[in-house]
């Protein structure tokens, strides 16, 4: 006999519930930030980062263009043009006999320090050099890497991201795609500064082994202020696919480990109902986590051309917001930025401004989260509706999304094929908006179930299939 799931038991059944799409504030496109005219012929934007003072940094890289120069640029939110910090071609580091830069692979900040990873030239199997600029001062640069100083750099290290403990995480090709943690903290005694944390085994990205390095982890995102000495804090990686038919890419959620024992992390592919996160072969699909723990993804290919924010329920993702893009494939906004190939996104510390860099337009776009002067009537924007659960069939968890068009008492329930109510998921007054929740049916047997959305005057019911 099936027991009814009470509201008390729901704390074990529903992991998270949230509302998306605020009605009184939204992202607005502010302006374009260009690169200096003298540098425009060789700039190829790849990834970006922001420091503690909300200064944006962008790397230009040869990863996607053999004619590009490897360089770092910066801009403040008040600027209309980037300023060049360092050009590795001009300082003799790029592809020279004694140089240590073939292509820049990642950028991050540690407080106000700037750190970039680069692939070494003339190393066929691939190896890494890391340039550490205290307070972004090129005169104080420290260099680590394969054959230089530090350990664990004998493989290309992509898309580096820093934790609050000054531990860097980067994607690697060795026995992967996988990842490594590197110690850049003076407070952690072992391993040595600039060296990697030993891993007893090498966790493999759920997309499977890479194919000659074409489908690599291109970016990594850490949780702002996350404690990576604890196994409860996840990180994320973004991987492009080998081809448009061999979809090995996507976003991976890594959980269960810590910097002291990275080999205990386990990766799980993040799924979304519209398969927006099934990436193509484009590079790099930059990702970041904002101060609300929302995952932001730059959809660089021609079938995306958007930057979307996703709320996460376990390994399920639901679109929660989007930076306005004139060319968004599925949600174009005439007042948005003219995005052609958005490659990465970064936020100011307060989360109220965002920079998107465009790999083909060779510029940055600045956005601001602003109050809406006149709130639109929700009835014209949102219809009362219940979406099909995802995935379906499912085992044991599934994402249920619904829309509320006006403030009303809402009840969301689950019933069996005999019409017996077995779970009350929502029973409260809701304001207009889109809501998502994760339903876990681990205590229920396989079979057909029905979930119903009820307001004062309307009811919608849909079918879902639990297969164990």
Protein backbone atom coordinates (compact mmCIF):
# COMPACT_ATOMS: atom_id res chain seq x y z
CA UNK A 1 0.00 0.00 0.00
CA UNK A 2 1.30 3.44 -0.96
CA UNK A 3 1.62 5.78 1.99
CA UNK A 4 0.74 9.43 1.57
CA UNK A 5 3.78 11.68 1.75
CA UNK A 6 3.08 14.31 4.39
CA UNK A 7 4.35 17.88 4.51
CA UNK A 8 6.72 16.80 7.31
CA UNK A 9 8.30 14.23 5.02
CA UNK A 10 8.75 16.74 2.20
CA UNK A 11 12.01 17.97 3.70
CA UNK A 12 13.43 14.64 2.56
CA UNK A 13 11.61 14.62 -0.78
CA UNK A 14 11.94 18.15 -2.16
CA UNK A 15 15.53 19.32 -2.18
CA UNK A 16 14.89 22.87 -3.33
CA UNK A 17 12.14 25.13 -4.59
CA UNK A 18 12.68 28.55 -6.06
CA UNK A 19 11.10 31.34 -8.04
CA UNK A 20 12.75 32.75 -11.13
CA UNK A 21 12.30 35.85 -13.29
CA UNK A 22 11.87 38.76 -10.91
CA UNK A 23 8.98 41.07 -11.74
CA UNK A 24 10.49 44.31 -10.39
CA UNK A 25 14.11 44.20 -11.65
CA UNK A 26 15.87 42.91 -14.73
CA UNK A 27 19.17 42.96 -16.58
CA UNK A 28 19.73 45.94 -18.89
CA UNK A 29 22.39 46.30 -21.57
CA UNK A 30 24.48 49.39 -20.81
CA UNK A 31 27.32 49.70 -23.33
CA UNK A 32 30.03 48.15 -25.43
CA UNK A 33 33.66 48.14 -24.25
CA UNK A 34 36.08 48.01 -27.16
CA UNK A 35 39.73 47.05 -27.51
CA UNK A 36 42.33 49.64 -28.57
CA UNK A 37 42.39 50.21 -32.33
CA UNK A 38 46.11 49.49 -32.42
CA UNK A 39 45.48 46.02 -30.96
CA UNK A 40 42.24 45.16 -32.76
CA UNK A 41 43.94 43.24 -35.58
CA UNK A 42 45.29 40.56 -33.24
CA UNK A 43 42.82 40.45 -30.34
CA UNK A 44 40.97 37.15 -29.89
CA UNK A 45 39.01 37.28 -26.59
CA UNK A 46 38.69 33.94 -24.80
CA UNK A 47 37.98 34.13 -21.03
CA UNK A 48 37.59 36.82 -18.37
CA UNK A 49 37.73 37.42 -14.61
CA UNK A 50 37.14 40.21 -12.08
CA UNK A 51 39.16 41.23 -9.02
CA UNK A 52 38.10 42.40 -5.55
CA UNK A 53 37.79 46.00 -6.81
CA UNK A 54 35.51 44.97 -9.70
CA UNK A 55 38.14 45.47 -12.36
CA UNK A 56 37.57 43.18 -15.33
CA UNK A 57 40.41 41.23 -16.97
CA UNK A 58 40.26 39.54 -20.39
CA UNK A 59 42.73 37.25 -22.12
CA UNK A 60 43.32 37.26 -25.85
CA UNK A 61 44.56 33.85 -26.99
CA UNK A 62 45.83 31.82 -29.90
CA UNK A 63 43.64 28.89 -28.80
CA UNK A 64 41.05 29.72 -31.46
CA UNK A 65 43.10 31.85 -33.87
CA UNK A 66 46.68 31.24 -35.01
CA UNK A 67 47.06 34.92 -35.92
CA UNK A 68 46.12 36.21 -32.48
CA UNK A 69 48.50 37.47 -29.86
CA UNK A 70 48.40 36.25 -26.29
CA UNK A 71 47.69 39.27 -24.13
CA UNK A 72 45.86 40.48 -21.01
CA UNK A 73 43.56 43.51 -21.04
CA UNK A 74 41.61 45.22 -18.26
CA UNK A 75 38.75 47.68 -17.84
CA UNK A 76 36.75 49.24 -15.04
CA UNK A 77 32.97 49.57 -15.22
CA UNK A 78 33.34 53.28 -16.08
CA UNK A 79 35.62 52.59 -19.06
CA UNK A 80 34.60 52.44 -22.70
CA UNK A 81 37.85 50.80 -23.81
CA UNK A 82 40.10 48.07 -22.48
CA UNK A 83 43.71 48.83 -21.54
CA UNK A 84 46.49 46.39 -22.35
CA UNK A 85 48.28 44.99 -19.32
CA UNK A 86 50.78 42.70 -21.05
CA UNK A 87 51.43 41.50 -24.59
CA UNK A 88 53.40 38.24 -24.60
CA UNK A 89 54.47 38.76 -28.20
CA UNK A 90 56.05 42.13 -27.42
CA UNK A 91 57.82 40.93 -24.28
CA UNK A 92 59.33 37.93 -26.08
CA UNK A 93 57.33 35.21 -24.28
CA UNK A 94 55.14 34.18 -27.24
CA UNK A 95 56.59 31.47 -29.48
CA UNK A 96 60.15 32.74 -29.15
CA UNK A 97 63.22 30.56 -28.62
CA UNK A 98 63.18 31.31 -24.90
CA UNK A 99 59.47 32.07 -24.59
CA UNK A 100 57.02 30.27 -22.32
CA UNK A 101 53.72 31.04 -24.06
CA UNK A 102 52.16 29.27 -27.00
CA UNK A 103 48.54 30.10 -26.08
CA UNK A 104 46.79 31.42 -22.99
CA UNK A 105 44.40 28.85 -21.52
CA UNK A 106 42.83 30.44 -18.44
CA UNK A 107 42.58 33.48 -16.20
CA UNK A 108 41.50 34.06 -12.62
CA UNK A 109 42.06 36.49 -9.77
CA UNK A 110 43.20 35.95 -6.20
CA UNK A 111 41.99 39.07 -4.45
CA UNK A 112 43.57 41.75 -6.64
CA UNK A 113 46.27 39.44 -7.99
CA UNK A 114 45.92 38.24 -11.58
CA UNK A 115 46.85 34.69 -12.62
CA UNK A 116 46.95 33.24 -16.13
CA UNK A 117 47.80 29.77 -17.38
CA UNK A 118 49.49 29.20 -20.72
CA UNK A 119 50.47 26.27 -22.85
CA UNK A 120 54.23 26.03 -23.28
CA UNK A 121 55.58 26.09 -26.84
CA UNK A 122 57.73 23.27 -28.20
CA UNK A 123 56.31 20.60 -25.84
CA UNK A 124 54.44 18.15 -28.12
CA UNK A 125 52.51 16.43 -25.32
CA UNK A 126 51.54 19.77 -23.82
CA UNK A 127 52.66 21.45 -20.61
CA UNK A 128 51.85 24.63 -18.70
CA UNK A 129 53.40 27.88 -17.52
CA UNK A 130 51.60 30.06 -14.97
CA UNK A 131 52.14 33.80 -14.63
CA UNK A 132 51.19 35.28 -11.25
CA UNK A 133 50.93 39.10 -11.09
CA UNK A 134 50.62 40.45 -7.51
CA UNK A 135 48.23 43.43 -7.58
CA UNK A 136 48.29 43.13 -11.39
CA UNK A 137 51.86 44.48 -11.38
CA UNK A 138 53.79 43.05 -14.34
CA UNK A 139 57.07 44.11 -12.73
CA UNK A 140 56.48 41.65 -9.87
CA UNK A 141 55.51 38.66 -12.02
CA UNK A 142 56.16 35.19 -10.63
CA UNK A 143 56.34 32.28 -13.07
CA UNK A 144 55.56 28.64 -12.26
CA UNK A 145 55.14 25.62 -14.47
CA UNK A 146 56.72 22.64 -16.16
CA UNK A 147 60.51 22.87 -15.82
CA UNK A 148 60.20 26.27 -14.11
CA UNK A 149 59.02 25.87 -10.51
CA UNK A 150 56.21 24.06 -8.72
CA UNK A 151 54.90 20.61 -9.68
CA UNK A 152 52.00 19.10 -11.58
CA UNK A 153 52.23 21.36 -14.64
CA UNK A 154 53.19 18.66 -17.16
CA UNK A 155 49.83 18.88 -18.94
CA UNK A 156 47.81 21.81 -20.35
CA UNK A 157 45.77 23.46 -17.56
CA UNK A 158 42.61 25.15 -18.84
CA UNK A 159 40.07 27.62 -17.46
CA UNK A 160 41.59 28.16 -14.02
CA UNK A 161 39.41 29.44 -11.17
CA UNK A 162 40.41 30.41 -7.63
CA UNK A 163 38.78 29.56 -4.33
CA UNK A 164 38.69 31.95 -1.37
CA UNK A 165 41.61 29.93 0.07
CA UNK A 166 43.80 30.82 -2.95
CA UNK A 167 43.59 27.29 -4.28
CA UNK A 168 43.38 27.17 -8.08
CA UNK A 169 41.35 24.57 -9.97
CA UNK A 170 41.98 23.90 -13.66
CA UNK A 171 40.86 21.43 -16.27
CA UNK A 172 43.51 19.04 -17.59
CA UNK A 173 43.89 16.57 -20.46
CA UNK A 174 46.04 14.02 -18.62
CA UNK A 175 43.96 10.85 -18.10
CA UNK A 176 40.91 13.01 -18.74
CA UNK A 177 39.40 15.43 -19.26
CA UNK A 178 39.83 15.84 -15.54
CA UNK A 179 41.04 18.53 -13.15
CA UNK A 180 43.80 19.45 -10.73
CA UNK A 181 44.01 21.62 -7.63
CA UNK A 182 47.04 23.89 -7.13
CA UNK A 183 48.21 25.57 -3.94
CA UNK A 184 48.73 29.34 -4.12
CA UNK A 185 48.04 29.93 -0.43
CA UNK A 186 50.72 30.74 2.14
CA UNK A 187 48.36 29.34 4.80
CA UNK A 188 48.35 25.78 3.44
CA UNK A 189 51.69 24.10 4.23
CA UNK A 190 51.47 21.22 1.78
CA UNK A 191 51.92 20.87 -1.13
CA UNK A 192 54.50 23.55 -1.78
CA UNK A 193 53.45 26.92 -3.11
CA UNK A 194 52.66 26.66 -6.82
CA UNK A 195 52.35 22.85 -6.73
CA UNK A 196 49.42 20.48 -7.20
CA UNK A 197 47.52 18.50 -4.58
CA UNK A 198 48.30 14.82 -5.04
CA UNK A 199 45.45 12.65 -6.33
CA UNK A 200 45.37 8.92 -5.62
CA UNK A 201 43.14 8.49 -8.68
CA UNK A 202 42.06 10.72 -11.54
CA UNK A 203 38.27 11.41 -11.76
CA UNK A 204 37.10 11.36 -15.39
CA UNK A 205 34.61 13.85 -16.81
CA UNK A 206 31.26 12.07 -17.40
CA UNK A 207 31.48 12.89 -21.13
CA UNK A 208 34.20 10.26 -21.40
CA UNK A 209 37.83 10.45 -22.55
CA UNK A 210 38.83 13.32 -24.81
CA UNK A 211 39.61 12.80 -28.48
CA UNK A 212 43.10 14.13 -29.17
CA UNK A 213 42.39 17.12 -26.97
CA UNK A 214 39.63 18.51 -29.19
CA UNK A 215 36.97 18.16 -26.47
CA UNK A 216 38.64 19.51 -23.34
CA UNK A 217 37.47 21.17 -20.15
CA UNK A 218 37.68 24.82 -21.22
CA UNK A 219 36.53 26.64 -18.10
CA UNK A 220 36.07 26.05 -14.37
CA UNK A 221 33.77 27.87 -11.94
CA UNK A 222 34.04 27.94 -8.15
CA UNK A 223 31.42 29.06 -5.63
CA UNK A 224 32.21 32.57 -4.33
CA UNK A 225 33.34 32.31 -0.70
CA UNK A 226 32.94 28.52 -0.89
CA UNK A 227 34.89 26.45 1.63
CA UNK A 228 36.87 23.94 -0.42
CA UNK A 229 38.39 22.33 2.63
CA UNK A 230 34.90 20.82 3.10
CA UNK A 231 33.42 18.09 0.92
CA UNK A 232 30.06 19.88 0.82
CA UNK A 233 31.23 22.61 -1.59
CA UNK A 234 30.96 21.76 -5.31
CA UNK A 235 32.73 23.21 -8.31
CA UNK A 236 31.81 23.16 -11.98
CA UNK A 237 33.55 22.61 -15.29
CA UNK A 238 32.57 23.36 -18.88
CA UNK A 239 33.62 21.13 -21.78
CA UNK A 240 33.05 21.52 -25.49
CA UNK A 241 32.05 18.52 -27.63
CA UNK A 242 34.26 16.75 -30.10
CA UNK A 243 31.81 17.52 -32.91
CA UNK A 244 28.19 18.45 -33.55
CA UNK A 245 27.33 14.75 -33.76
CA UNK A 246 29.58 13.41 -30.98
CA UNK A 247 28.24 15.39 -28.05
CA UNK A 248 30.78 14.77 -25.33
CA UNK A 249 30.48 18.29 -23.87
CA UNK A 250 28.37 20.11 -21.32
CA UNK A 251 28.62 21.35 -17.74
CA UNK A 252 29.76 18.99 -15.00
CA UNK A 253 28.94 19.25 -11.30
CA UNK A 254 31.82 17.96 -9.16
CA UNK A 255 30.94 16.97 -5.58
CA UNK A 256 32.22 15.00 -2.61
CA UNK A 257 35.87 16.03 -2.46
CA UNK A 258 38.08 18.75 -1.02
CA UNK A 259 41.40 20.32 -1.90
CA UNK A 260 43.14 18.01 0.57
CA UNK A 261 41.77 14.94 -1.25
CA UNK A 262 40.62 15.92 -4.78
CA UNK A 263 40.49 12.30 -5.98
CA UNK A 264 37.24 11.80 -4.03
CA UNK A 265 35.30 14.21 -6.25
CA UNK A 266 32.64 12.64 -8.44
CA UNK A 267 31.37 14.31 -11.61
CA UNK A 268 27.79 14.38 -12.83
CA UNK A 269 26.53 15.96 -16.05
CA UNK A 270 24.04 18.78 -15.47
CA UNK A 271 20.82 18.22 -17.41
CA UNK A 272 18.19 20.73 -18.48
CA UNK A 273 14.79 20.16 -20.14
CA UNK A 274 15.65 21.96 -23.39
CA UNK A 275 19.15 20.42 -23.72
CA UNK A 276 20.64 23.92 -23.74
CA UNK A 277 23.72 22.56 -21.99
CA UNK A 278 24.50 19.92 -24.62
CA UNK A 279 27.40 21.87 -26.09
CA UNK A 280 28.74 21.76 -29.64
CA UNK A 281 32.40 21.88 -30.68
CA UNK A 282 32.82 25.65 -30.21
CA UNK A 283 35.31 27.00 -27.65
CA UNK A 284 35.13 27.84 -24.76
CA UNK A 285 31.52 28.02 -23.35
CA UNK A 286 32.66 30.10 -20.38
CA UNK A 287 30.88 29.60 -17.05
CA UNK A 288 30.72 31.37 -13.70
CA UNK A 289 28.83 31.13 -10.40
CA UNK A 290 27.39 34.41 -9.12
CA UNK A 291 26.95 35.48 -5.50
CA UNK A 292 23.50 33.85 -5.43
CA UNK A 293 25.00 30.45 -6.41
CA UNK A 294 23.44 30.70 -9.86
CA UNK A 295 25.28 29.07 -12.77
CA UNK A 296 25.83 31.39 -15.75
CA UNK A 297 26.76 29.98 -19.14
CA UNK A 298 28.00 31.75 -22.27
CA UNK A 299 26.50 29.99 -25.29
CA UNK A 300 29.10 30.85 -27.90
CA UNK A 301 27.88 28.85 -30.91
CA UNK A 302 25.49 30.06 -33.62
CA UNK A 303 22.54 28.07 -32.22
CA UNK A 304 22.78 29.86 -28.87
CA UNK A 305 24.29 33.37 -28.92
CA UNK A 306 23.06 33.91 -25.38
CA UNK A 307 24.23 34.15 -21.79
CA UNK A 308 21.77 32.42 -19.48
CA UNK A 309 21.61 31.93 -15.73
CA UNK A 310 20.50 28.54 -14.43
CA UNK A 311 19.22 27.61 -10.99
CA UNK A 312 20.37 24.16 -9.95
CA UNK A 313 18.51 21.41 -8.15
CA UNK A 314 21.07 18.69 -7.76
CA UNK A 315 22.22 17.91 -11.30
CA UNK A 316 19.11 19.45 -12.89
CA UNK A 317 19.18 22.98 -14.27
CA UNK A 318 16.33 25.38 -15.01
CA UNK A 319 16.72 28.69 -16.82
CA UNK A 320 16.32 31.45 -14.26
CA UNK A 321 17.52 34.57 -16.08
CA UNK A 322 19.20 35.80 -19.24
CA UNK A 323 21.33 38.77 -20.19
CA UNK A 324 19.47 40.50 -23.05
CA UNK A 325 20.90 39.57 -26.46
CA UNK A 326 19.64 40.85 -29.79
CA UNK A 327 20.76 37.62 -31.44
CA UNK A 328 19.73 35.06 -28.82
CA UNK A 329 18.65 32.01 -30.80
CA UNK A 330 15.61 31.27 -28.64
CA UNK A 331 14.88 34.57 -26.87
CA UNK A 332 16.03 37.61 -28.93
CA UNK A 333 15.69 41.01 -27.27
CA UNK A 334 15.85 44.11 -29.49
CA UNK A 335 17.16 46.15 -26.55
CA UNK A 336 19.95 43.70 -25.81
CA UNK A 337 23.62 43.53 -26.75
CA UNK A 338 24.44 42.52 -30.34
CA UNK A 339 26.01 39.23 -29.24
CA UNK A 340 27.61 37.20 -32.01
CA UNK A 341 29.73 34.70 -30.07
CA UNK A 342 29.62 35.33 -26.30
CA UNK A 343 32.52 33.33 -24.91
CA UNK A 344 32.53 34.16 -21.19
CA UNK A 345 30.78 36.17 -18.48
CA UNK A 346 31.88 37.61 -15.14
CA UNK A 347 30.15 39.62 -12.41
CA UNK A 348 31.08 42.40 -10.03
CA UNK A 349 31.31 41.37 -6.40
CA UNK A 350 27.80 42.63 -5.57
CA UNK A 351 26.38 40.71 -8.52
CA UNK A 352 24.70 43.79 -10.01
CA UNK A 353 26.93 44.26 -13.05
CA UNK A 354 28.09 41.74 -15.60
CA UNK A 355 30.64 41.73 -18.41
CA UNK A 356 30.25 39.46 -21.42
CA UNK A 357 33.12 39.12 -23.88
CA UNK A 358 32.41 38.34 -27.52
CA UNK A 359 34.96 36.21 -29.36
CA UNK A 360 33.85 37.25 -32.86
CA UNK A 361 32.81 40.86 -32.26
CA UNK A 362 36.09 41.43 -30.37
CA UNK A 363 34.56 43.50 -27.57
CA UNK A 364 32.90 43.34 -24.19
CA UNK A 365 29.30 44.11 -23.26
CA UNK A 366 28.41 45.62 -19.89
CA UNK A 367 25.08 44.90 -18.20
CA UNK A 368 23.41 46.15 -15.04
CA UNK A 369 20.67 44.64 -12.91
CA UNK A 370 18.21 47.49 -12.58
CA UNK A 371 14.77 48.14 -11.14
CA UNK A 372 11.99 48.28 -13.70
CA UNK A 373 10.33 51.69 -13.62
CA UNK A 374 6.91 50.37 -14.58
CA UNK A 375 6.12 46.77 -13.71
CA UNK A 376 4.43 44.96 -16.54
CA UNK A 377 1.13 43.24 -15.98
CA UNK A 378 2.10 39.60 -15.31
CA UNK A 379 -1.06 38.47 -17.09
CA UNK A 380 0.42 39.70 -20.38
CA UNK A 381 3.75 37.99 -19.80
CA UNK A 382 3.07 34.73 -17.94
CA UNK A 383 0.28 32.24 -18.45
CA UNK A 384 -0.96 29.92 -15.71
CA UNK A 385 0.65 26.68 -16.81
CA UNK A 386 2.25 23.40 -15.73
CA UNK A 387 5.21 22.13 -17.72
CA UNK A 388 6.04 18.52 -18.47
CA UNK A 389 8.37 17.11 -15.85
CA UNK A 390 11.99 16.48 -16.83
CA UNK A 391 13.32 13.91 -17.26
CA UNK A 392 10.36 11.66 -18.02
CA UNK A 393 10.59 8.71 -17.46
CA UNK A 394 12.65 9.39 -14.35
CA UNK A 395 14.48 7.60 -11.53
CA UNK A 396 14.23 8.74 -8.81
CA UNK A 397 14.23 12.56 -9.22
CA UNK A 398 12.49 14.82 -11.70
CA UNK A 399 12.16 18.58 -12.20
CA UNK A 400 8.65 20.07 -12.08
CA UNK A 401 8.14 23.65 -13.31
CA UNK A 402 5.00 25.79 -13.26
CA UNK A 403 3.92 29.36 -13.98
CA UNK A 404 1.65 31.55 -11.88
CA UNK A 405 0.03 34.51 -13.66
CA UNK A 406 -1.43 36.33 -10.64
CA UNK A 407 -1.16 36.17 -6.87
CA UNK A 408 -3.27 33.22 -5.78
CA UNK A 409 -3.44 30.16 -3.54
CA UNK A 410 -1.54 27.37 -5.29
CA UNK A 411 -1.57 23.65 -4.61
CA UNK A 412 0.72 21.19 -6.39
CA UNK A 413 0.06 17.52 -5.69
CA UNK A 414 1.06 14.04 -6.86
CA UNK A 415 -1.43 11.18 -7.21
CA UNK A 416 -1.28 7.53 -8.21
CA UNK A 417 -3.28 5.89 -11.02
CA UNK A 418 -6.20 5.27 -8.61
CA UNK A 419 -6.46 8.97 -7.88
CA UNK A 420 -5.04 8.72 -4.37
CA UNK A 421 -3.13 11.82 -3.34
CA UNK A 422 0.32 10.69 -2.23
CA UNK A 423 2.23 13.96 -2.00
CA UNK A 424 1.51 17.64 -1.44
CA UNK A 425 4.40 19.56 -2.93
CA UNK A 426 3.04 23.11 -2.65
CA UNK A 427 0.14 24.50 -0.63
CA UNK A 428 0.53 28.26 -0.23
CA UNK A 429 -0.08 31.64 -1.81
CA UNK A 430 2.28 32.41 -4.70
CA UNK A 431 3.02 35.68 -6.45
CA UNK A 432 3.32 35.84 -10.26
CA UNK A 433 6.40 34.10 -11.62
CA UNK A 434 7.98 30.86 -12.77
CA UNK A 435 8.76 28.21 -10.14
CA UNK A 436 10.86 25.06 -10.25
CA UNK A 437 11.25 22.21 -7.82
CA UNK A 438 12.84 18.79 -7.61
CA UNK A 439 10.61 15.84 -6.71
CA UNK A 440 12.33 12.74 -5.37
CA UNK A 441 10.30 9.53 -5.64
CA UNK A 442 12.86 7.19 -4.09
CA UNK A 443 10.23 5.84 -1.65
CA UNK A 444 7.68 5.11 -4.38
CA UNK A 445 7.43 2.03 -6.64
CA UNK A 446 7.71 2.19 -10.42
CA UNK A 447 4.58 3.22 -12.26
CA UNK A 448 2.50 6.01 -13.73
CA UNK A 449 1.81 9.03 -11.54
CA UNK A 450 -0.07 12.28 -12.05
CA UNK A 451 0.88 15.73 -10.84
CA UNK A 452 -1.68 18.53 -10.64
CA UNK A 453 -1.47 22.31 -10.34
CA UNK A 454 -4.52 23.92 -8.72
CA UNK A 455 -5.48 27.57 -8.18
CA UNK A 456 -8.80 28.95 -6.95
CA UNK A 457 -10.43 28.43 -10.35
CA UNK A 458 -8.12 26.32 -12.51
CA UNK A 459 -6.55 22.87 -12.50
CA UNK A 460 -3.93 21.37 -14.81
CA UNK A 461 -2.85 17.72 -14.60
CA UNK A 462 0.02 15.94 -16.33
CA UNK A 463 1.34 12.37 -16.34
CA UNK A 464 4.82 11.20 -15.37
CA UNK A 465 6.46 7.79 -15.42
CA UNK A 466 8.70 6.49 -12.64
CA UNK A 467 10.95 3.64 -13.87
CA UNK A 468 13.30 1.95 -11.40
